Amino acid sequence: MEFSRKATMLEAQGHHIIRLGVGEPDFGPPKAFVEALKATLDSPAKAYTNAMGLEALREKISNFYKRMHGLEVPSNQIAVTSGASAALLMACAALVDEGDEVLIGDPSYPCNREFMQSMGAKVKLIPTTPESNYQLSLEMVKANWGENTKGILIATPSNPTGTSVDFNELKTICDFVKSKDGFRIIDEIYLNLADRDSNGNPAQSILEYDDGAIVINSFSKFFGMTGYRLGWCVIPMELAPYIEKLSQNYYICASTPVQIAALECFSDDAINECEGRRDILLKRREFVLKRLEEIGLDVPVKPNGAFYVYIDVSSTGMTGMEFCEAALVDAHVSLTPGDDFGVYDTKKYVRLSYASSIEELEEGLHRLEKWLEFISK
């Protein structure tokens, strides 16, 4: 966000900044959602909904799991939240007590550990490597599980690396944590943008295997609705009353007009529109990876899910922070330094988001290439 602020300042000075730093899809919401939201403005003011969300929307999300993954997820185990952030906050508040240890991979989305720590947890960041796809493995979890460990938080696909945990590996991790009576929070906000398998099947949700896991999802990525702040979580039935009480006290309910309009996100046209975006993102990814290779920037692990590329810039002689600062000032390209995402060996990395248009990606990578050629002379 700090680099985004600096980019805005440079734009105010008249510079064209190529923004490849923030993970915001350029597509925007489905057309049906936009039209439905406009229609809500012509009706009387909307009252609060139930803290768990509109029942009709919870049913739509339940049907979404059936349609996309062949799963039966009861609507009374779904809580609609103010973005995935609120879902994570509710889960942390419900599950974590002061002094509890929680295992999270490094690198990872920084707010995950901040949520946990705000509830008094002691977050243990576990270093990951390219060999593990920058993801936790069963061996890592076993080796780091201690007397005070209460659970894990795994994002798959992941921000910042765009990589996923192999589903069989994820199952064994959940089995182990369950055997320790630990909680499993699985962040799946990028799941429906992940690559399909060789048979054309969608990426699998952990709900297919572990119905005791807490699953976080969002309208932000697949549906392109970042600023509308709407998400959900799937929770075990015994946790539902606590999530409801926490929601009532923390934020009452998610935005009523946005919930109403979001019902249209699940129409055939809207789903097909969003499904088509995966193909567009795949083409963007292929373009970005090819250009980065031509430029001479190393991508140790190719992403297969979230729209990020995790780049090792150590060959330039700069740290990730130095690279991002110089690229913004000299090339007017905004990126995100690896420092944001962890503490172990993250200083040599930079995250690039390919959620921008192909024109912006072409221009941004052209600028980086010319800038790197200039400074190497």
Protein backbone atom coordinates (compact mmCIF):
# COMPACT_ATOMS: atom_id res chain seq x y z
CA MET A 1 0.00 0.00 0.00
CA GLU A 2 2.95 2.35 0.64
CA PHE A 3 4.21 1.83 -2.90
CA SER A 4 0.68 2.42 -4.15
CA ARG A 5 0.65 5.73 -2.28
CA LYS A 6 3.98 6.74 -3.83
CA ALA A 7 2.66 5.76 -7.25
CA THR A 8 -0.36 8.00 -6.73
CA MET A 9 1.94 10.91 -5.82
CA LEU A 10 3.93 10.42 -9.02
CA GLU A 11 0.71 10.26 -11.04
CA ALA A 12 -0.33 13.57 -9.50
CA GLN A 13 2.89 15.01 -10.92
CA GLY A 14 1.83 13.91 -14.41
CA HIS A 15 3.64 10.57 -14.74
CA HIS A 16 2.02 7.45 -16.19
CA ILE A 17 2.62 4.73 -13.61
CA ILE A 18 2.26 1.08 -14.60
CA ARG A 19 0.72 -0.51 -11.53
CA LEU A 20 1.78 -4.14 -11.19
CA GLY A 21 1.92 -4.13 -7.42
CA VAL A 22 -1.61 -4.51 -6.03
CA GLY A 23 -3.66 -7.66 -6.61
CA GLU A 24 -6.76 -6.06 -8.12
CA PRO A 25 -8.25 -7.63 -11.26
CA ASP A 26 -8.81 -5.04 -13.97
CA PHE A 27 -11.97 -6.79 -15.20
CA GLY A 28 -14.29 -5.36 -12.57
CA PRO A 29 -17.49 -7.12 -11.42
CA PRO A 30 -19.74 -9.15 -13.72
CA LYS A 31 -22.10 -6.97 -15.76
CA ALA A 32 -25.13 -8.53 -14.09
CA PHE A 33 -23.86 -7.43 -10.67
CA VAL A 34 -23.31 -3.86 -11.80
CA GLU A 35 -26.83 -3.59 -13.22
CA ALA A 36 -28.34 -5.13 -10.09
CA LEU A 37 -26.43 -2.72 -7.87
CA LYS A 38 -27.73 0.23 -9.87
CA ALA A 39 -31.25 -1.08 -9.39
CA THR A 40 -30.84 -1.16 -5.60
CA LEU A 41 -30.33 2.61 -5.63
CA ASP A 42 -33.87 3.13 -6.88
CA SER A 43 -35.44 1.22 -4.01
CA PRO A 44 -35.92 2.35 -0.40
CA ALA A 45 -33.00 2.33 2.01
CA LYS A 46 -31.88 -1.17 2.92
CA ALA A 47 -31.95 -2.41 6.49
CA TYR A 48 -29.34 -4.59 8.11
CA THR A 49 -29.38 -8.24 7.12
CA ASN A 50 -28.82 -11.14 9.45
CA ALA A 51 -25.22 -11.08 10.69
CA MET A 52 -24.55 -14.29 8.77
CA GLY A 53 -25.77 -12.71 5.54
CA LEU A 54 -28.84 -12.86 3.31
CA GLU A 55 -30.24 -16.37 3.33
CA ALA A 56 -30.74 -16.16 -0.44
CA LEU A 57 -27.07 -15.30 -0.92
CA ARG A 58 -25.94 -18.11 1.35
CA GLU A 59 -28.03 -20.48 -0.76
CA LYS A 60 -26.44 -19.11 -3.93
CA ILE A 61 -22.97 -19.71 -2.50
CA SER A 62 -23.99 -23.22 -1.49
CA ASN A 63 -25.14 -23.87 -5.07
CA PHE A 64 -21.87 -22.40 -6.34
CA TYR A 65 -19.94 -25.15 -4.53
CA LYS A 66 -22.24 -27.72 -6.10
CA ARG A 67 -21.82 -26.25 -9.57
CA MET A 68 -18.07 -25.63 -9.48
CA HIS A 69 -16.85 -28.48 -7.28
CA GLY A 70 -19.67 -31.00 -6.97
CA LEU A 71 -19.85 -30.40 -3.22
CA GLU A 72 -22.84 -30.29 -0.88
CA VAL A 73 -22.17 -27.35 1.44
CA PRO A 74 -25.19 -26.49 3.63
CA SER A 75 -26.10 -22.81 3.56
CA ASN A 76 -26.30 -22.72 7.37
CA GLN A 77 -22.55 -23.37 7.44
CA ILE A 78 -21.84 -20.32 5.28
CA ALA A 79 -21.31 -16.85 6.73
CA VAL A 80 -21.30 -13.84 4.40
CA THR A 81 -18.71 -11.30 5.54
CA SER A 82 -17.31 -7.87 4.72
CA GLY A 83 -14.62 -9.27 2.48
CA ALA A 84 -12.38 -12.25 3.14
CA SER A 85 -10.59 -10.08 5.70
CA ALA A 86 -13.65 -10.07 7.95
CA ALA A 87 -13.97 -13.84 7.51
CA LEU A 88 -10.37 -14.30 8.64
CA LEU A 89 -10.91 -11.92 11.53
CA MET A 90 -13.99 -13.83 12.69
CA ALA A 91 -12.19 -17.17 12.43
CA CYS A 92 -9.20 -15.90 14.40
CA ALA A 93 -11.41 -14.35 17.07
CA ALA A 94 -13.38 -17.57 17.45
CA LEU A 95 -10.44 -19.97 17.55
CA VAL A 96 -7.43 -18.22 19.08
CA ASP A 97 -6.67 -17.52 22.73
CA GLU A 98 -3.82 -15.51 24.23
CA GLY A 99 -0.54 -17.39 23.88
CA ASP A 100 -1.75 -19.96 21.34
CA GLU A 101 0.80 -20.82 18.69
CA VAL A 102 -0.32 -20.85 15.04
CA LEU A 103 1.74 -22.13 12.11
CA ILE A 104 1.89 -20.09 8.90
CA GLY A 105 4.19 -20.49 5.92
CA ASP A 106 6.72 -17.82 4.99
CA PRO A 107 6.24 -16.07 2.57
CA SER A 108 2.52 -15.46 2.99
CA TYR A 109 -0.10 -12.72 2.95
CA PRO A 110 1.02 -10.43 5.82
CA CYS A 111 -2.44 -9.66 7.20
CA ASN A 112 -2.92 -13.34 8.06
CA ARG A 113 -0.31 -13.19 10.77
CA GLU A 114 -1.50 -9.75 11.89
CA PHE A 115 -5.03 -11.09 12.41
CA MET A 116 -3.67 -13.92 14.53
CA GLN A 117 -1.34 -11.70 16.54
CA SER A 118 -4.11 -9.19 17.22
CA MET A 119 -5.95 -12.01 19.01
CA GLY A 120 -2.91 -12.77 21.14
CA ALA A 121 -1.54 -15.66 19.11
CA LYS A 122 2.15 -16.38 18.77
CA VAL A 123 2.61 -16.85 15.05
CA LYS A 124 5.36 -19.22 14.04
CA LEU A 125 6.46 -18.46 10.50
CA ILE A 126 7.89 -21.55 8.83
CA PRO A 127 10.42 -20.90 6.05
CA THR A 128 9.43 -22.46 2.74
CA THR A 129 11.51 -22.91 -0.39
CA PRO A 130 11.07 -23.21 -4.15
CA GLU A 131 11.38 -26.97 -3.67
CA SER A 132 8.13 -26.94 -1.67
CA ASN A 133 6.47 -24.44 -4.06
CA TYR A 134 6.82 -21.87 -1.27
CA GLN A 135 4.14 -23.82 0.60
CA LEU A 136 3.98 -25.80 3.82
CA SER A 137 4.49 -29.55 3.64
CA LEU A 138 3.50 -32.29 6.08
CA GLU A 139 7.14 -32.64 7.14
CA MET A 140 7.37 -28.93 7.93
CA VAL A 141 4.16 -28.96 9.95
CA LYS A 142 5.21 -32.05 11.91
CA ALA A 143 8.67 -30.64 12.62
CA ASN A 144 7.26 -27.34 13.91
CA TRP A 145 4.25 -28.60 15.86
CA GLY A 146 4.76 -27.86 19.54
CA GLU A 147 3.05 -28.18 22.88
CA ASN A 148 1.21 -24.85 22.48
CA THR A 149 0.42 -25.16 18.76
CA LYS A 150 -3.31 -24.87 18.17
CA GLY A 151 -3.65 -24.80 14.40
CA ILE A 152 -2.52 -23.77 10.93
CA LEU A 153 -3.45 -21.17 8.36
CA ILE A 154 -2.71 -22.08 4.74
CA ALA A 155 -3.53 -20.08 1.62
CA THR A 156 -3.73 -22.18 -1.54
CA PRO A 157 -3.28 -20.76 -4.13
CA SER A 158 -1.06 -18.29 -2.34
CA ASN A 159 -0.33 -14.61 -2.29
CA PRO A 160 2.50 -13.63 -3.03
CA THR A 161 3.80 -16.66 -4.93
CA GLY A 162 0.75 -17.73 -6.94
CA THR A 163 1.52 -21.35 -6.07
CA SER A 164 -0.68 -24.09 -4.59
CA VAL A 165 -0.27 -26.95 -2.15
CA ASP A 166 -0.59 -30.31 -3.87
CA PHE A 167 -4.05 -31.55 -2.87
CA ASN A 168 -2.80 -34.89 -1.58
CA GLU A 169 -0.21 -33.07 0.52
CA LEU A 170 -2.89 -30.74 1.85
CA LYS A 171 -5.01 -33.74 2.86
CA THR A 172 -2.14 -35.28 4.84
CA ILE A 173 -1.46 -31.95 6.55
CA CYS A 174 -5.09 -31.63 7.58
CA ASP A 175 -5.13 -35.24 8.80
CA PHE A 176 -2.11 -34.59 10.99
CA VAL A 177 -3.46 -31.33 12.42
CA LYS A 178 -6.82 -32.95 13.06
CA SER A 179 -5.07 -35.78 14.93
CA LYS A 180 -3.60 -33.09 17.18
CA ASP A 181 -7.08 -31.59 17.69
CA GLY A 182 -5.89 -28.47 15.89
CA PHE A 183 -7.87 -26.09 13.71
CA ARG A 184 -7.35 -25.83 9.95
CA ILE A 185 -8.02 -22.46 8.33
CA ILE A 186 -7.67 -22.78 4.56
CA ASP A 187 -7.75 -19.59 2.50
CA GLU A 188 -9.21 -20.42 -0.92
CA ILE A 189 -9.91 -16.93 -2.27
CA TYR A 190 -7.97 -17.68 -5.48
CA LEU A 191 -9.20 -21.27 -5.85
CA ASN A 192 -11.59 -20.63 -8.74
CA LEU A 193 -8.87 -18.85 -10.69
CA ALA A 194 -6.47 -21.78 -10.28
CA ASP A 195 -5.40 -23.93 -13.22
CA ARG A 196 -7.57 -26.90 -14.11
CA ASP A 197 -5.97 -30.34 -14.12
CA SER A 198 -5.01 -32.30 -17.23
CA ASN A 199 -8.59 -33.60 -17.50
CA GLY A 200 -10.09 -30.14 -17.35
CA ASN A 201 -11.33 -30.52 -13.78
CA PRO A 202 -11.31 -27.46 -11.48
CA ALA A 203 -8.93 -27.15 -8.55
CA GLN A 204 -10.22 -29.04 -5.52
CA SER A 205 -11.52 -27.42 -2.36
CA ILE A 206 -10.38 -28.90 0.95
CA LEU A 207 -14.09 -29.18 1.78
CA GLU A 208 -14.08 -32.20 -0.51
CA TYR A 209 -11.99 -33.99 2.12
CA ASP A 210 -12.07 -32.13 5.44
CA ASP A 211 -15.51 -30.89 6.45
CA GLY A 212 -14.08 -29.68 9.75
CA ALA A 213 -11.83 -27.12 8.11
CA ILE A 214 -12.67 -23.41 8.12
CA VAL A 215 -12.57 -22.21 4.50
CA ILE A 216 -12.19 -18.57 3.55
CA ASN A 217 -13.37 -17.23 0.19
CA SER A 218 -14.25 -13.93 -1.41
CA PHE A 219 -16.00 -12.12 -4.23
CA SER A 220 -12.84 -10.04 -4.75
CA LYS A 221 -10.78 -12.22 -7.07
CA PHE A 222 -12.88 -14.62 -9.18
CA PHE A 223 -15.74 -12.11 -9.38
CA GLY A 224 -13.43 -9.05 -9.61
CA MET A 225 -15.11 -7.18 -6.75
CA THR A 226 -12.21 -6.02 -4.55
CA GLY A 227 -13.62 -2.65 -3.49
CA TYR A 228 -17.12 -3.94 -2.78
CA ARG A 229 -15.84 -5.82 0.28
CA LEU A 230 -17.84 -9.01 0.19
CA GLY A 231 -16.60 -12.45 1.19
CA TRP A 232 -17.65 -15.59 2.98
CA CYS A 233 -16.44 -18.43 5.11
CA VAL A 234 -17.55 -22.03 5.40
CA ILE A 235 -17.49 -23.21 9.01
CA PRO A 236 -18.32 -26.36 10.98
CA MET A 237 -21.84 -26.19 12.35
CA GLU A 238 -20.68 -26.03 15.97
CA LEU A 239 -18.75 -22.84 15.20
CA ALA A 240 -21.66 -21.01 13.55
CA PRO A 241 -23.21 -19.49 16.72
CA TYR A 242 -19.87 -17.97 17.70
CA ILE A 243 -19.19 -16.55 14.25
CA GLU A 244 -22.69 -15.04 14.27
CA LYS A 245 -22.17 -13.36 17.66
CA LEU A 246 -18.76 -12.02 16.66
CA SER A 247 -20.15 -10.64 13.40
CA GLN A 248 -23.04 -8.96 15.22
CA ASN A 249 -20.57 -7.16 17.47
CA TYR A 250 -17.75 -6.40 15.07
CA TYR A 251 -19.56 -5.11 11.99
CA ILE A 252 -23.30 -6.04 12.26
CA CYS A 253 -23.48 -7.37 8.68
CA ALA A 254 -21.97 -7.04 5.24
CA SER A 255 -23.32 -4.27 2.99
CA THR A 256 -26.98 -4.99 2.25
CA PRO A 257 -27.09 -3.47 -1.28
CA VAL A 258 -23.91 -5.32 -2.26
CA GLN A 259 -25.32 -8.59 -0.92
CA ILE A 260 -28.53 -8.11 -2.90
CA ALA A 261 -26.67 -7.30 -6.11
CA ALA A 262 -24.27 -10.22 -5.54
CA LEU A 263 -27.16 -12.63 -6.05
CA GLU A 264 -26.71 -11.93 -9.76
CA CYS A 265 -23.09 -13.08 -9.68
CA PHE A 266 -24.31 -16.66 -9.85
CA SER A 267 -26.34 -16.42 -13.05
CA ASP A 268 -25.12 -18.49 -16.00
CA ASP A 269 -23.99 -15.38 -17.86
CA ALA A 270 -22.05 -14.03 -14.88
CA ILE A 271 -20.34 -17.34 -14.13
CA ASN A 272 -19.40 -17.79 -17.78
CA GLU A 273 -18.06 -14.25 -17.86
CA CYS A 274 -15.88 -14.91 -14.82
CA GLU A 275 -14.80 -18.33 -16.06
CA GLY A 276 -13.55 -16.73 -19.27
CA ARG A 277 -11.25 -14.52 -17.26
CA ARG A 278 -9.17 -17.51 -16.20
CA ASP A 279 -8.18 -18.05 -19.82
CA ILE A 280 -7.28 -14.38 -20.17
CA LEU A 281 -5.17 -14.50 -16.99
CA LEU A 282 -3.42 -17.62 -18.25
CA LYS A 283 -2.43 -15.84 -21.47
CA ARG A 284 -1.18 -12.89 -19.42
CA ARG A 285 0.84 -15.23 -17.22
CA GLU A 286 2.46 -16.92 -20.22
CA PHE A 287 3.35 -13.53 -21.65
CA VAL A 288 4.82 -12.26 -18.36
CA LEU A 289 6.89 -15.40 -17.75
CA LYS A 290 8.28 -15.29 -21.29
CA ARG A 291 9.21 -11.61 -21.01
CA LEU A 292 10.79 -12.03 -17.57
CA GLU A 293 12.95 -14.83 -18.96
CA GLU A 294 13.98 -12.59 -21.86
CA ILE A 295 14.80 -9.77 -19.47
CA GLY A 296 16.88 -12.13 -17.32
CA LEU A 297 14.80 -12.07 -14.14
CA ASP A 298 14.44 -15.42 -12.40
CA VAL A 299 11.09 -16.95 -11.44
CA PRO A 300 12.04 -20.00 -9.31
CA VAL A 301 8.51 -21.45 -9.29
CA LYS A 302 5.92 -20.80 -11.97
CA PRO A 303 2.52 -19.83 -10.51
CA ASN A 304 -0.50 -22.07 -11.08
CA GLY A 305 -3.23 -20.20 -9.26
CA ALA A 306 -3.26 -16.62 -8.01
CA PHE A 307 -2.30 -13.90 -10.50
CA TYR A 308 1.16 -13.25 -9.05
CA VAL A 309 4.72 -13.97 -10.08
CA TYR A 310 7.36 -14.17 -7.33
CA ILE A 311 10.62 -12.94 -8.85
CA ASP A 312 14.15 -13.41 -7.52
CA VAL A 313 15.97 -10.15 -8.32
CA SER A 314 19.26 -11.00 -6.61
CA SER A 315 20.97 -11.20 -10.03
CA THR A 316 20.58 -7.41 -10.30
CA GLY A 317 22.64 -6.81 -7.16
CA MET A 318 19.64 -5.12 -5.53
CA THR A 319 17.36 -6.20 -2.74
CA GLY A 320 13.68 -6.47 -3.51
CA MET A 321 13.05 -3.19 -1.69
CA GLU A 322 15.79 -1.39 -3.60
CA PHE A 323 14.52 -2.85 -6.87
CA CYS A 324 10.94 -1.70 -6.22
CA GLU A 325 11.97 1.78 -5.12
CA ALA A 326 14.20 2.31 -8.14
CA ALA A 327 11.74 0.77 -10.61
CA LEU A 328 9.02 3.12 -9.39
CA VAL A 329 11.15 6.28 -9.50
CA ASP A 330 13.20 5.53 -12.63
CA ALA A 331 10.92 3.32 -14.75
CA HIS A 332 7.54 4.37 -13.29
CA VAL A 333 6.58 0.75 -12.68
CA SER A 334 5.00 -0.13 -9.33
CA LEU A 335 5.81 -3.55 -7.84
CA THR A 336 5.76 -5.03 -4.33
CA PRO A 337 8.90 -6.02 -2.39
CA GLY A 338 9.17 -9.47 -0.84
CA ASP A 339 9.78 -7.86 2.56
CA ASP A 340 6.01 -7.45 2.87
CA PHE A 341 5.41 -11.18 2.94
CA GLY A 342 7.79 -12.64 5.50
CA VAL A 343 11.12 -12.53 7.28
CA TYR A 344 13.04 -15.54 5.96
CA ASP A 345 14.97 -14.93 2.73
CA THR A 346 12.27 -12.62 1.36
CA LYS A 347 14.50 -9.59 0.78
CA LYS A 348 15.66 -10.84 -2.61
CA TYR A 349 12.14 -11.17 -4.02
CA VAL A 350 9.65 -8.94 -5.79
CA ARG A 351 6.00 -9.70 -6.45
CA LEU A 352 4.45 -8.79 -9.79
CA SER A 353 0.69 -8.91 -10.27
CA TYR A 354 -0.50 -9.78 -13.78
CA ALA A 355 -4.07 -8.76 -13.00
CA SER A 356 -3.54 -5.67 -15.19
CA SER A 357 -4.38 -5.47 -18.90
CA ILE A 358 -2.02 -6.99 -21.44
CA GLU A 359 -1.25 -3.47 -22.71
CA GLU A 360 -0.13 -2.37 -19.26
CA LEU A 361 1.90 -5.56 -18.81
CA GLU A 362 3.62 -5.07 -22.17
CA GLU A 363 4.50 -1.46 -21.38
CA GLY A 364 5.57 -2.22 -17.80
CA LEU A 365 7.90 -5.05 -18.78
CA HIS A 366 9.30 -3.00 -21.67
CA ARG A 367 10.13 -0.21 -19.23
CA LEU A 368 11.76 -2.65 -16.80
CA GLU A 369 13.85 -4.15 -19.59
CA LYS A 370 15.10 -0.76 -20.79
CA TRP A 371 15.77 0.41 -17.23
CA LEU A 372 17.78 -2.71 -16.37
CA GLU A 373 19.75 -2.40 -19.60
CA PHE A 374 20.55 1.21 -18.73
CA ILE A 375 21.73 0.58 -15.17
CA SER A 376 23.84 -2.41 -16.22
CA LYS A 377 25.98 -0.27 -18.57
